[in-house]
Amino acid sequence: MAGERKDVEFRTTDGLTLRGWLFEGPKGGPAVIVNGAFNSPKEIFVEGVAGWFGTHGLTALVYDARTLGASDGLPRNDLDPQKITEDNHDAVTFLQDGGWVDPERIAIWGFFWSSGIALVAAAFDQRVAAVISQGLMPDWGLNPPDQPAILARAVEDRANQLRGHEPDYIPLLNEQGEHLMLFQYLAEMTPEQKLHMPAWVHNAKKRAPAFNDRLTIQSFYRHAIWKPLPLFASMRTPVMILTPENDEIVSPAFQRSIFDGLQSEQKRFEIVKDRGHMNFLANVNFDELLAGQLAFLKDVLKF
């Protein structure tokens, strides 16, 4: 049956087991690796994306990133975008060795937080045949006024862990229910936009029992040094970029400038009408959102 979901797992080069689902398309056909949302297990949004692709001619792999959901990794909720990028290479190997898909027709997909992860993974892995990123967020720098204290706390945490203490965490919501604003992207939002931020945390708790609403302090350290934008210049892979028309976090004009600077000979840009960052997932219609992406993949992967 097209799009049948199977439980799968694969190993990373540093010994972790990542677990997820494979939505099987036609045997010998193309495949797409679907990357998830910020600090979120696969049940949040991307399960639906992978399932849709699985019924439209592709095999789709979606899995919990390291330290999240059903996947291995300690401490939990310890986000390392560099390592998560590298895990995409191991996901490609898993698909190539699995015997179900065409090993020469594997794409990578990411959105918002994982948009840069997808692009860097594709830029550095010549086995990847295509990449799709939407809602580009290429620089997860810390809010400058907060950065010195966060980095000092992160360094102290490293020392404390060596002394036998538990890792230090920061909750996504404070005691007043307000969302953390330690990333510059979030700190620069308007007061009205900030009021809507806690909603995604509450919704995530309802949709995914494995969701954990906190991050290690080391996650902030790693994001502070995660600078993927210069790495996009090496992109030669066919690429599609989608930008929400009303993106409040990263301006559509800046996202377009990133697209214009990509060196890929085959590239496509699409504006997602009447959507912003905050309402991108509200009442989403996968047929509308993914139809253009499917057309791009059909052109590139020839199916």
C-alpha atoms as a PDB file:
ATOM      1  CA  MET A   1       0.000   0.000   0.000  1.00  0.00           C
ATOM      2  CA  ALA A   2       1.407   3.407  -1.000  1.00  0.00           C
ATOM      3  CA  GLY A   3       2.603   5.416   1.961  1.00  0.00           C
ATOM      4  CA  GLU A   4       2.532   2.511   4.400  1.00  0.00           C
ATOM      5  CA  ARG A   5       4.329   3.527   7.589  1.00  0.00           C
ATOM      6  CA  LYS A   6       7.076   1.351   9.043  1.00  0.00           C
ATOM      7  CA  ASP A   7       9.059   1.797  12.242  1.00  0.00           C
ATOM      8  CA  VAL A   8      12.758   2.147  11.401  1.00  0.00           C
ATOM      9  CA  GLU A   9      16.017   2.966  13.109  1.00  0.00           C
ATOM     10  CA  PHE A  10      19.562   3.658  11.978  1.00  0.00           C
ATOM     11  CA  ARG A  11      22.958   4.263  13.540  1.00  0.00           C
ATOM     12  CA  THR A  12      25.053   7.407  13.430  1.00  0.00           C
ATOM     13  CA  THR A  13      28.813   7.375  13.087  1.00  0.00           C
ATOM     14  CA  ASP A  14      29.174   8.317  16.766  1.00  0.00           C
ATOM     15  CA  GLY A  15      27.103   5.347  17.895  1.00  0.00           C
ATOM     16  CA  LEU A  16      23.608   6.716  18.498  1.00  0.00           C
ATOM     17  CA  THR A  17      20.436   5.043  17.257  1.00  0.00           C
ATOM     18  CA  LEU A  18      17.945   7.406  15.644  1.00  0.00           C
ATOM     19  CA  ARG A  19      14.367   6.173  15.372  1.00  0.00           C
ATOM     20  CA  GLY A  20      11.530   7.195  13.137  1.00  0.00           C
ATOM     21  CA  TRP A  21       9.139   6.187  10.416  1.00  0.00           C
ATOM     22  CA  LEU A  22       9.521   5.244   6.784  1.00  0.00           C
ATOM     23  CA  PHE A  23       6.541   5.979   4.547  1.00  0.00           C
ATOM     24  CA  GLU A  24       7.168   3.615   1.657  1.00  0.00           C
ATOM     25  CA  GLY A  25       6.659   4.772  -1.888  1.00  0.00           C
ATOM     26  CA  PRO A  26       7.263   2.665  -4.996  1.00  0.00           C
ATOM     27  CA  LYS A  27      10.157   0.212  -4.734  1.00  0.00           C
ATOM     28  CA  GLY A  28      13.171   1.525  -6.618  1.00  0.00           C
ATOM     29  CA  GLY A  29      11.754   5.048  -6.589  1.00  0.00           C
ATOM     30  CA  PRO A  30      13.028   8.330  -5.151  1.00  0.00           C
ATOM     31  CA  ALA A  31      13.151   9.264  -1.486  1.00  0.00           C
ATOM     32  CA  VAL A  32      13.113  12.346   0.718  1.00  0.00           C
ATOM     33  CA  ILE A  33      14.502  12.848   4.228  1.00  0.00           C
ATOM     34  CA  VAL A  34      12.189  15.138   6.214  1.00  0.00           C
ATOM     35  CA  ASN A  35      13.837  17.177   8.991  1.00  0.00           C
ATOM     36  CA  GLY A  36      11.814  18.318  11.975  1.00  0.00           C
ATOM     37  CA  ALA A  37      10.996  21.504  13.851  1.00  0.00           C
ATOM     38  CA  PHE A  38      12.909  23.220  16.643  1.00  0.00           C
ATOM     39  CA  ASN A  39      13.208  20.986  19.727  1.00  0.00           C
ATOM     40  CA  SER A  40      10.287  18.926  18.435  1.00  0.00           C
ATOM     41  CA  PRO A  41       9.698  15.206  17.904  1.00  0.00           C
ATOM     42  CA  LYS A  42       8.502  13.944  14.537  1.00  0.00           C
ATOM     43  CA  GLU A  43       4.822  13.949  15.507  1.00  0.00           C
ATOM     44  CA  ILE A  44       4.764  17.741  15.232  1.00  0.00           C
ATOM     45  CA  PHE A  45       3.950  18.734  11.631  1.00  0.00           C
ATOM     46  CA  VAL A  46       6.617  16.744   9.785  1.00  0.00           C
ATOM     47  CA  GLU A  47       4.840  13.415  10.262  1.00  0.00           C
ATOM     48  CA  GLY A  48       2.131  14.818   8.002  1.00  0.00           C
ATOM     49  CA  VAL A  49       4.656  16.090   5.456  1.00  0.00           C
ATOM     50  CA  ALA A  50       6.373  12.708   5.230  1.00  0.00           C
ATOM     51  CA  GLY A  51       3.052  10.889   5.028  1.00  0.00           C
ATOM     52  CA  TRP A  52       1.913  13.126   2.178  1.00  0.00           C
ATOM     53  CA  PHE A  53       5.093  12.554   0.187  1.00  0.00           C
ATOM     54  CA  GLY A  54       4.726   8.817   0.844  1.00  0.00           C
ATOM     55  CA  THR A  55       1.423   8.797  -1.045  1.00  0.00           C
ATOM     56  CA  HIS A  56       2.728  10.906  -3.938  1.00  0.00           C
ATOM     57  CA  GLY A  57       5.461   8.775  -5.436  1.00  0.00           C
ATOM     58  CA  LEU A  58       8.286   9.110  -2.918  1.00  0.00           C
ATOM     59  CA  THR A  59       9.533   7.114   0.032  1.00  0.00           C
ATOM     60  CA  ALA A  60       9.775   9.527   2.962  1.00  0.00           C
ATOM     61  CA  LEU A  61      11.964   9.111   6.039  1.00  0.00           C
ATOM     62  CA  VAL A  62      11.159  11.151   9.138  1.00  0.00           C
ATOM     63  CA  TYR A  63      12.904  10.579  12.455  1.00  0.00           C
ATOM     64  CA  ASP A  64      13.449  12.153  15.835  1.00  0.00           C
ATOM     65  CA  ALA A  65      16.646  14.188  15.934  1.00  0.00           C
ATOM     66  CA  ARG A  66      19.283  13.085  18.419  1.00  0.00           C
ATOM     67  CA  THR A  67      18.291  13.682  22.068  1.00  0.00           C
ATOM     68  CA  LEU A  68      14.623  14.098  21.112  1.00  0.00           C
ATOM     69  CA  GLY A  69      11.620  11.783  21.110  1.00  0.00           C
ATOM     70  CA  ALA A  70      12.376   8.099  20.567  1.00  0.00           C
ATOM     71  CA  SER A  71      15.975   8.653  19.443  1.00  0.00           C
ATOM     72  CA  ASP A  72      19.085   8.140  21.550  1.00  0.00           C
ATOM     73  CA  GLY A  73      21.251  10.872  22.951  1.00  0.00           C
ATOM     74  CA  LEU A  74      22.081  12.277  26.374  1.00  0.00           C
ATOM     75  CA  PRO A  75      21.470  14.691  27.872  1.00  0.00           C
ATOM     76  CA  ARG A  76      17.947  14.986  26.510  1.00  0.00           C
ATOM     77  CA  ASN A  77      16.928  18.068  24.531  1.00  0.00           C
ATOM     78  CA  ASP A  78      20.555  18.908  23.852  1.00  0.00           C
ATOM     79  CA  LEU A  79      20.326  20.529  20.417  1.00  0.00           C
ATOM     80  CA  ASP A  80      23.455  20.523  18.280  1.00  0.00           C
ATOM     81  CA  PRO A  81      22.662  21.765  14.752  1.00  0.00           C
ATOM     82  CA  GLN A  82      26.070  20.706  13.463  1.00  0.00           C
ATOM     83  CA  LYS A  83      25.613  17.120  14.640  1.00  0.00           C
ATOM     84  CA  ILE A  84      22.020  17.045  13.413  1.00  0.00           C
ATOM     85  CA  THR A  85      23.287  18.162  10.007  1.00  0.00           C
ATOM     86  CA  GLU A  86      25.798  15.310  10.008  1.00  0.00           C
ATOM     87  CA  ASP A  87      23.039  12.861  10.946  1.00  0.00           C
ATOM     88  CA  ASN A  88      21.441  13.617   7.593  1.00  0.00           C
ATOM     89  CA  HIS A  89      24.471  12.001   5.949  1.00  0.00           C
ATOM     90  CA  ASP A  90      23.857   8.844   7.976  1.00  0.00           C
ATOM     91  CA  ALA A  91      20.174   8.962   7.004  1.00  0.00           C
ATOM     92  CA  VAL A  92      21.234   9.041   3.338  1.00  0.00           C
ATOM     93  CA  THR A  93      23.433   5.993   3.924  1.00  0.00           C
ATOM     94  CA  PHE A  94      20.553   4.206   5.649  1.00  0.00           C
ATOM     95  CA  LEU A  95      18.295   4.777   2.652  1.00  0.00           C
ATOM     96  CA  GLN A  96      20.987   3.834   0.144  1.00  0.00           C
ATOM     97  CA  ASP A  97      21.740   0.567   1.936  1.00  0.00           C
ATOM     98  CA  GLY A  98      18.137  -0.338   2.660  1.00  0.00           C
ATOM     99  CA  GLY A  99      17.428  -1.758  -0.786  1.00  0.00           C
ATOM    100  CA  TRP A 100      14.032  -0.081  -1.216  1.00  0.00           C
ATOM    101  CA  VAL A 101      14.807   3.273  -2.877  1.00  0.00           C
ATOM    102  CA  ASP A 102      16.951   4.408  -5.775  1.00  0.00           C
ATOM    103  CA  PRO A 103      20.239   5.372  -4.064  1.00  0.00           C
ATOM    104  CA  GLU A 104      20.870   8.078  -6.679  1.00  0.00           C
ATOM    105  CA  ARG A 105      17.551   9.879  -6.085  1.00  0.00           C
ATOM    106  CA  ILE A 106      17.488  11.000  -2.461  1.00  0.00           C
ATOM    107  CA  ALA A 107      16.404  14.513  -1.462  1.00  0.00           C
ATOM    108  CA  ILE A 108      16.526  16.410   1.850  1.00  0.00           C
ATOM    109  CA  TRP A 109      13.741  18.636   3.196  1.00  0.00           C
ATOM    110  CA  GLY A 110      13.772  21.198   6.026  1.00  0.00           C
ATOM    111  CA  PHE A 111      11.764  24.148   7.306  1.00  0.00           C
ATOM    112  CA  PHE A 112      12.391  27.116   9.605  1.00  0.00           C
ATOM    113  CA  TRP A 113      14.914  25.871  12.191  1.00  0.00           C
ATOM    114  CA  SER A 114      15.938  22.891  10.054  1.00  0.00           C
ATOM    115  CA  SER A 115      16.059  24.884   6.799  1.00  0.00           C
ATOM    116  CA  GLY A 116      19.750  25.658   7.245  1.00  0.00           C
ATOM    117  CA  ILE A 117      20.436  22.106   8.405  1.00  0.00           C
ATOM    118  CA  ALA A 118      18.947  20.754   5.183  1.00  0.00           C
ATOM    119  CA  LEU A 119      20.891  23.179   2.995  1.00  0.00           C
ATOM    120  CA  VAL A 120      24.256  22.516   4.625  1.00  0.00           C
ATOM    121  CA  ALA A 121      23.704  18.753   4.587  1.00  0.00           C
ATOM    122  CA  ALA A 122      22.946  18.904   0.856  1.00  0.00           C
ATOM    123  CA  ALA A 123      25.820  21.271   0.106  1.00  0.00           C
ATOM    124  CA  PHE A 124      28.339  18.934   1.756  1.00  0.00           C
ATOM    125  CA  ASP A 125      26.965  15.595   0.539  1.00  0.00           C
ATOM    126  CA  GLN A 126      27.222  14.993  -3.193  1.00  0.00           C
ATOM    127  CA  ARG A 127      24.980  11.940  -2.873  1.00  0.00           C
ATOM    128  CA  VAL A 128      21.995  14.234  -2.255  1.00  0.00           C
ATOM    129  CA  ALA A 129      20.067  14.809  -5.476  1.00  0.00           C
ATOM    130  CA  ALA A 130      17.863  17.728  -4.374  1.00  0.00           C
ATOM    131  CA  VAL A 131      17.051  19.882  -1.359  1.00  0.00           C
ATOM    132  CA  ILE A 132      13.993  21.875  -0.290  1.00  0.00           C
ATOM    133  CA  SER A 133      14.092  24.533   2.438  1.00  0.00           C
ATOM    134  CA  GLN A 134      11.292  26.818   3.498  1.00  0.00           C
ATOM    135  CA  GLY A 135      11.241  29.749   5.859  1.00  0.00           C
ATOM    136  CA  LEU A 136      15.005  30.315   5.882  1.00  0.00           C
ATOM    137  CA  MET A 137      16.492  31.028   9.310  1.00  0.00           C
ATOM    138  CA  PRO A 138      20.238  30.993   8.637  1.00  0.00           C
ATOM    139  CA  ASP A 139      21.634  32.621  11.784  1.00  0.00           C
ATOM    140  CA  TRP A 140      20.572  31.466  15.239  1.00  0.00           C
ATOM    141  CA  GLY A 141      22.711  33.998  17.064  1.00  0.00           C
ATOM    142  CA  LEU A 142      21.974  34.891  20.658  1.00  0.00           C
ATOM    143  CA  ASN A 143      20.444  38.213  21.641  1.00  0.00           C
ATOM    144  CA  PRO A 144      23.563  40.416  22.085  1.00  0.00           C
ATOM    145  CA  PRO A 145      22.631  41.787  25.539  1.00  0.00           C
ATOM    146  CA  ASP A 146      22.044  38.254  26.812  1.00  0.00           C
ATOM    147  CA  GLN A 147      24.970  36.527  25.132  1.00  0.00           C
ATOM    148  CA  PRO A 148      27.757  37.155  27.689  1.00  0.00           C
ATOM    149  CA  ALA A 149      25.709  35.754  30.568  1.00  0.00           C
ATOM    150  CA  ILE A 150      24.505  32.750  28.559  1.00  0.00           C
ATOM    151  CA  LEU A 151      27.985  31.824  27.381  1.00  0.00           C
ATOM    152  CA  ALA A 152      29.423  32.251  30.890  1.00  0.00           C
ATOM    153  CA  ARG A 153      26.686  29.983  32.222  1.00  0.00           C
ATOM    154  CA  ALA A 154      27.402  27.437  29.492  1.00  0.00           C
ATOM    155  CA  VAL A 155      31.116  27.348  30.309  1.00  0.00           C
ATOM    156  CA  GLU A 156      30.334  26.988  34.016  1.00  0.00           C
ATOM    157  CA  ASP A 157      27.941  24.149  33.146  1.00  0.00           C
ATOM    158  CA  ARG A 158      30.670  22.284  31.269  1.00  0.00           C
ATOM    159  CA  ALA A 159      32.920  22.519  34.298  1.00  0.00           C
ATOM    160  CA  ASN A 160      30.125  21.429  36.625  1.00  0.00           C
ATOM    161  CA  GLN A 161      29.311  18.385  34.483  1.00  0.00           C
ATOM    162  CA  LEU A 162      32.949  17.287  34.711  1.00  0.00           C
ATOM    163  CA  ARG A 163      32.579  17.562  38.482  1.00  0.00           C
ATOM    164  CA  GLY A 164      29.604  15.210  38.440  1.00  0.00           C
ATOM    165  CA  HIS A 165      26.676  17.631  38.326  1.00  0.00           C
ATOM    166  CA  GLU A 166      23.606  17.267  36.110  1.00  0.00           C
ATOM    167  CA  PRO A 167      23.403  19.393  32.937  1.00  0.00           C
ATOM    168  CA  ASP A 168      21.905  22.860  33.252  1.00  0.00           C
ATOM    169  CA  TYR A 169      18.604  23.539  31.441  1.00  0.00           C
ATOM    170  CA  ILE A 170      16.585  26.584  30.431  1.00  0.00           C
ATOM    171  CA  PRO A 171      12.786  26.218  30.132  1.00  0.00           C
ATOM    172  CA  LEU A 172      11.071  27.432  26.973  1.00  0.00           C
ATOM    173  CA  LEU A 173       8.492  29.221  29.142  1.00  0.00           C
ATOM    174  CA  ASN A 174       9.282  31.077  32.358  1.00  0.00           C
ATOM    175  CA  GLU A 175       7.180  31.060  35.523  1.00  0.00           C
ATOM    176  CA  GLN A 176       4.973  33.790  34.067  1.00  0.00           C
ATOM    177  CA  GLY A 177       4.312  31.686  30.974  1.00  0.00           C
ATOM    178  CA  GLU A 178       6.406  33.922  28.723  1.00  0.00           C
ATOM    179  CA  HIS A 179       8.522  32.399  25.963  1.00  0.00           C
ATOM    180  CA  LEU A 180      12.299  32.707  26.192  1.00  0.00           C
ATOM    181  CA  MET A 181      13.727  35.465  23.982  1.00  0.00           C
ATOM    182  CA  LEU A 182      17.403  34.562  24.131  1.00  0.00           C
ATOM    183  CA  PHE A 183      17.809  34.168  20.370  1.00  0.00           C
ATOM    184  CA  GLN A 184      18.146  37.413  18.432  1.00  0.00           C
ATOM    185  CA  TYR A 185      15.412  36.341  16.018  1.00  0.00           C
ATOM    186  CA  LEU A 186      12.946  36.204  18.890  1.00  0.00           C
ATOM    187  CA  ALA A 187      14.198  39.229  20.806  1.00  0.00           C
ATOM    188  CA  GLU A 188      13.583  41.443  17.760  1.00  0.00           C
ATOM    189  CA  MET A 189       9.927  40.444  17.438  1.00  0.00           C
ATOM    190  CA  THR A 190       7.207  42.977  18.215  1.00  0.00           C
ATOM    191  CA  PRO A 191       5.466  42.798  21.608  1.00  0.00           C
ATOM    192  CA  GLU A 192       2.319  41.483  19.920  1.00  0.00           C
ATOM    193  CA  GLN A 193       4.248  38.736  18.148  1.00  0.00           C
ATOM    194  CA  LYS A 194       5.927  37.725  21.392  1.00  0.00           C
ATOM    195  CA  LEU A 195       2.532  37.252  23.024  1.00  0.00           C
ATOM    196  CA  HIS A 196       1.732  34.499  20.516  1.00  0.00           C
ATOM    197  CA  MET A 197       4.965  32.550  21.049  1.00  0.00           C
ATOM    198  CA  PRO A 198       3.872  30.398  24.040  1.00  0.00           C
ATOM    199  CA  ALA A 199       1.050  28.913  21.953  1.00  0.00           C
ATOM    200  CA  TRP A 200       3.374  26.643  19.979  1.00  0.00           C
ATOM    201  CA  VAL A 201       4.732  25.127  23.200  1.00  0.00           C
ATOM    202  CA  HIS A 202       1.254  24.399  24.543  1.00  0.00           C
ATOM    203  CA  ASN A 203       0.168  22.919  21.202  1.00  0.00           C
ATOM    204  CA  ALA A 204       3.307  20.783  21.007  1.00  0.00           C
ATOM    205  CA  LYS A 205       2.594  19.286  24.427  1.00  0.00           C
ATOM    206  CA  LYS A 206      -0.865  18.268  23.257  1.00  0.00           C
ATOM    207  CA  ARG A 207       0.282  16.757  19.948  1.00  0.00           C
ATOM    208  CA  ALA A 208       3.406  14.928  21.052  1.00  0.00           C
ATOM    209  CA  PRO A 209       3.678  13.240  24.471  1.00  0.00           C
ATOM    210  CA  ALA A 210       7.456  13.038  23.987  1.00  0.00           C
ATOM    211  CA  PHE A 211       7.793  16.820  23.677  1.00  0.00           C
ATOM    212  CA  ASN A 212       9.936  18.346  26.423  1.00  0.00           C
ATOM    213  CA  ASP A 213       9.714  22.105  26.941  1.00  0.00           C
ATOM    214  CA  ARG A 214      13.292  22.827  27.935  1.00  0.00           C
ATOM    215  CA  LEU A 215      16.776  22.996  26.392  1.00  0.00           C
ATOM    216  CA  THR A 216      20.243  22.413  27.770  1.00  0.00           C
ATOM    217  CA  ILE A 217      22.322  25.528  28.233  1.00  0.00           C
ATOM    218  CA  GLN A 218      24.833  23.902  25.855  1.00  0.00           C
ATOM    219  CA  SER A 219      22.170  24.100  23.126  1.00  0.00           C
ATOM    220  CA  PHE A 220      22.452  27.888  23.247  1.00  0.00           C
ATOM    221  CA  TYR A 221      26.251  27.750  23.138  1.00  0.00           C
ATOM    222  CA  ARG A 222      26.136  25.532  20.038  1.00  0.00           C
ATOM    223  CA  HIS A 223      23.619  27.735  18.274  1.00  0.00           C
ATOM    224  CA  ALA A 224      25.785  30.778  18.993  1.00  0.00           C
ATOM    225  CA  ILE A 225      28.611  29.223  16.953  1.00  0.00           C
ATOM    226  CA  TRP A 226      26.344  27.708  14.266  1.00  0.00           C
ATOM    227  CA  LYS A 227      26.877  30.002  11.265  1.00  0.00           C
ATOM    228  CA  PRO A 228      25.605  28.125   8.202  1.00  0.00           C
ATOM    229  CA  LEU A 229      25.037  31.058   5.851  1.00  0.00           C
ATOM    230  CA  PRO A 230      28.588  31.162   4.391  1.00  0.00           C
ATOM    231  CA  LEU A 231      28.372  27.409   3.790  1.00  0.00           C
ATOM    232  CA  PHE A 232      25.455  27.841   1.403  1.00  0.00           C
ATOM    233  CA  ALA A 233      27.890  29.263  -1.163  1.00  0.00           C
ATOM    234  CA  SER A 234      29.168  25.766  -1.912  1.00  0.00           C
ATOM    235  CA  MET A 235      25.687  24.606  -2.899  1.00  0.00           C
ATOM    236  CA  ARG A 236      25.612  22.920  -6.291  1.00  0.00           C
ATOM    237  CA  THR A 237      22.647  20.652  -5.573  1.00  0.00           C
ATOM    238  CA  PRO A 238      19.291  21.418  -7.233  1.00  0.00           C
ATOM    239  CA  VAL A 239      17.466  23.514  -4.647  1.00  0.00           C
ATOM    240  CA  MET A 240      14.022  24.917  -3.969  1.00  0.00           C
ATOM    241  CA  ILE A 241      13.470  27.741  -1.482  1.00  0.00           C
ATOM    242  CA  LEU A 242      10.017  28.658  -0.185  1.00  0.00           C
ATOM    243  CA  THR A 243       9.418  31.886   1.710  1.00  0.00           C
ATOM    244  CA  PRO A 244       6.270  32.799   3.650  1.00  0.00           C
ATOM    245  CA  GLU A 245       4.890  35.984   2.110  1.00  0.00           C
ATOM    246  CA  ASN A 246       4.480  37.661   5.500  1.00  0.00           C
ATOM    247  CA  ASP A 247       7.424  36.157   7.397  1.00  0.00           C
ATOM    248  CA  GLU A 248       7.846  38.185  10.580  1.00  0.00           C
ATOM    249  CA  ILE A 249      11.143  36.594  11.669  1.00  0.00           C
ATOM    250  CA  VAL A 250      13.370  36.726   8.583  1.00  0.00           C
ATOM    251  CA  SER A 251      12.357  39.200   5.905  1.00  0.00           C
ATOM    252  CA  PRO A 252      11.244  37.712   2.579  1.00  0.00           C
ATOM    253  CA  ALA A 253      13.645  40.085   0.820  1.00  0.00           C
ATOM    254  CA  PHE A 254      16.599  38.679   2.754  1.00  0.00           C
ATOM    255  CA  GLN A 255      15.487  35.119   2.067  1.00  0.00           C
ATOM    256  CA  ARG A 256      15.274  35.969  -1.622  1.00  0.00           C
ATOM    257  CA  SER A 257      18.805  37.418  -1.536  1.00  0.00           C
ATOM    258  CA  ILE A 258      20.073  34.122  -0.096  1.00  0.00           C
ATOM    259  CA  PHE A 259      18.359  32.251  -2.903  1.00  0.00           C
ATOM    260  CA  ASP A 260      19.836  34.599  -5.517  1.00  0.00           C
ATOM    261  CA  GLY A 261      23.315  33.911  -4.151  1.00  0.00           C
ATOM    262  CA  LEU A 262      23.079  30.135  -4.444  1.00  0.00           C
ATOM    263  CA  GLN A 263      25.280  28.696  -7.179  1.00  0.00           C
ATOM    264  CA  SER A 264      23.005  25.787  -8.071  1.00  0.00           C
ATOM    265  CA  GLU A 265      22.270  25.613 -11.780  1.00  0.00           C
ATOM    266  CA  GLN A 266      18.794  24.242 -11.084  1.00  0.00           C
ATOM    267  CA  LYS A 267      16.966  26.278  -8.479  1.00  0.00           C
ATOM    268  CA  ARG A 268      13.419  27.399  -7.834  1.00  0.00           C
ATOM    269  CA  PHE A 269      11.889  30.070  -5.582  1.00  0.00           C
ATOM    270  CA  GLU A 270       8.292  30.144  -4.365  1.00  0.00           C
ATOM    271  CA  ILE A 271       6.354  32.563  -2.177  1.00  0.00           C
ATOM    272  CA  VAL A 272       3.868  30.900   0.191  1.00  0.00           C
ATOM    273  CA  LYS A 273       0.928  33.267  -0.093  1.00  0.00           C
ATOM    274  CA  ASP A 274      -0.898  34.658   2.939  1.00  0.00           C
ATOM    275  CA  ARG A 275       1.432  32.915   5.380  1.00  0.00           C
ATOM    276  CA  GLY A 276       3.874  34.201   7.943  1.00  0.00           C
ATOM    277  CA  HIS A 277       6.120  32.482  10.434  1.00  0.00           C
ATOM    278  CA  MET A 278       3.555  32.569  13.219  1.00  0.00           C
ATOM    279  CA  ASN A 279       0.628  31.174  11.224  1.00  0.00           C
ATOM    280  CA  PHE A 280       2.525  28.921   8.839  1.00  0.00           C
ATOM    281  CA  LEU A 281       1.174  25.715  10.375  1.00  0.00           C
ATOM    282  CA  ALA A 282      -2.341  26.973  11.095  1.00  0.00           C
ATOM    283  CA  ASN A 283      -4.919  24.860   9.262  1.00  0.00           C
ATOM    284  CA  VAL A 284      -2.247  23.840   6.786  1.00  0.00           C
ATOM    285  CA  ASN A 285      -3.397  22.199   3.551  1.00  0.00           C
ATOM    286  CA  PHE A 286      -0.655  19.807   2.465  1.00  0.00           C
ATOM    287  CA  ASP A 287      -1.999  19.619  -1.087  1.00  0.00           C
ATOM    288  CA  GLU A 288      -1.531  23.366  -1.427  1.00  0.00           C
ATOM    289  CA  LEU A 289       1.744  23.638   0.473  1.00  0.00           C
ATOM    290  CA  LEU A 290       3.513  20.656  -1.070  1.00  0.00           C
ATOM    291  CA  ALA A 291       2.193  20.580  -4.653  1.00  0.00           C
ATOM    292  CA  GLY A 292       4.875  22.922  -5.975  1.00  0.00           C
ATOM    293  CA  GLN A 293       7.536  21.055  -4.031  1.00  0.00           C
ATOM    294  CA  LEU A 294       6.372  17.773  -5.528  1.00  0.00           C
ATOM    295  CA  ALA A 295       6.557  19.280  -9.021  1.00  0.00           C
ATOM    296  CA  PHE A 296      10.133  20.384  -8.328  1.00  0.00           C
ATOM    297  CA  LEU A 297      11.109  16.941  -7.073  1.00  0.00           C
ATOM    298  CA  LYS A 298       9.499  15.311 -10.101  1.00  0.00           C
ATOM    299  CA  ASP A 299      11.522  17.559 -12.414  1.00  0.00           C
ATOM    300  CA  VAL A 300      14.795  16.824 -10.625  1.00  0.00           C
ATOM    301  CA  LEU A 301      14.338  13.196  -9.602  1.00  0.00           C
ATOM    302  CA  LYS A 302      12.524  12.153 -12.795  1.00  0.00           C
ATOM    303  CA  PHE A 303       9.462  10.275 -11.578  1.00  0.00           C
END
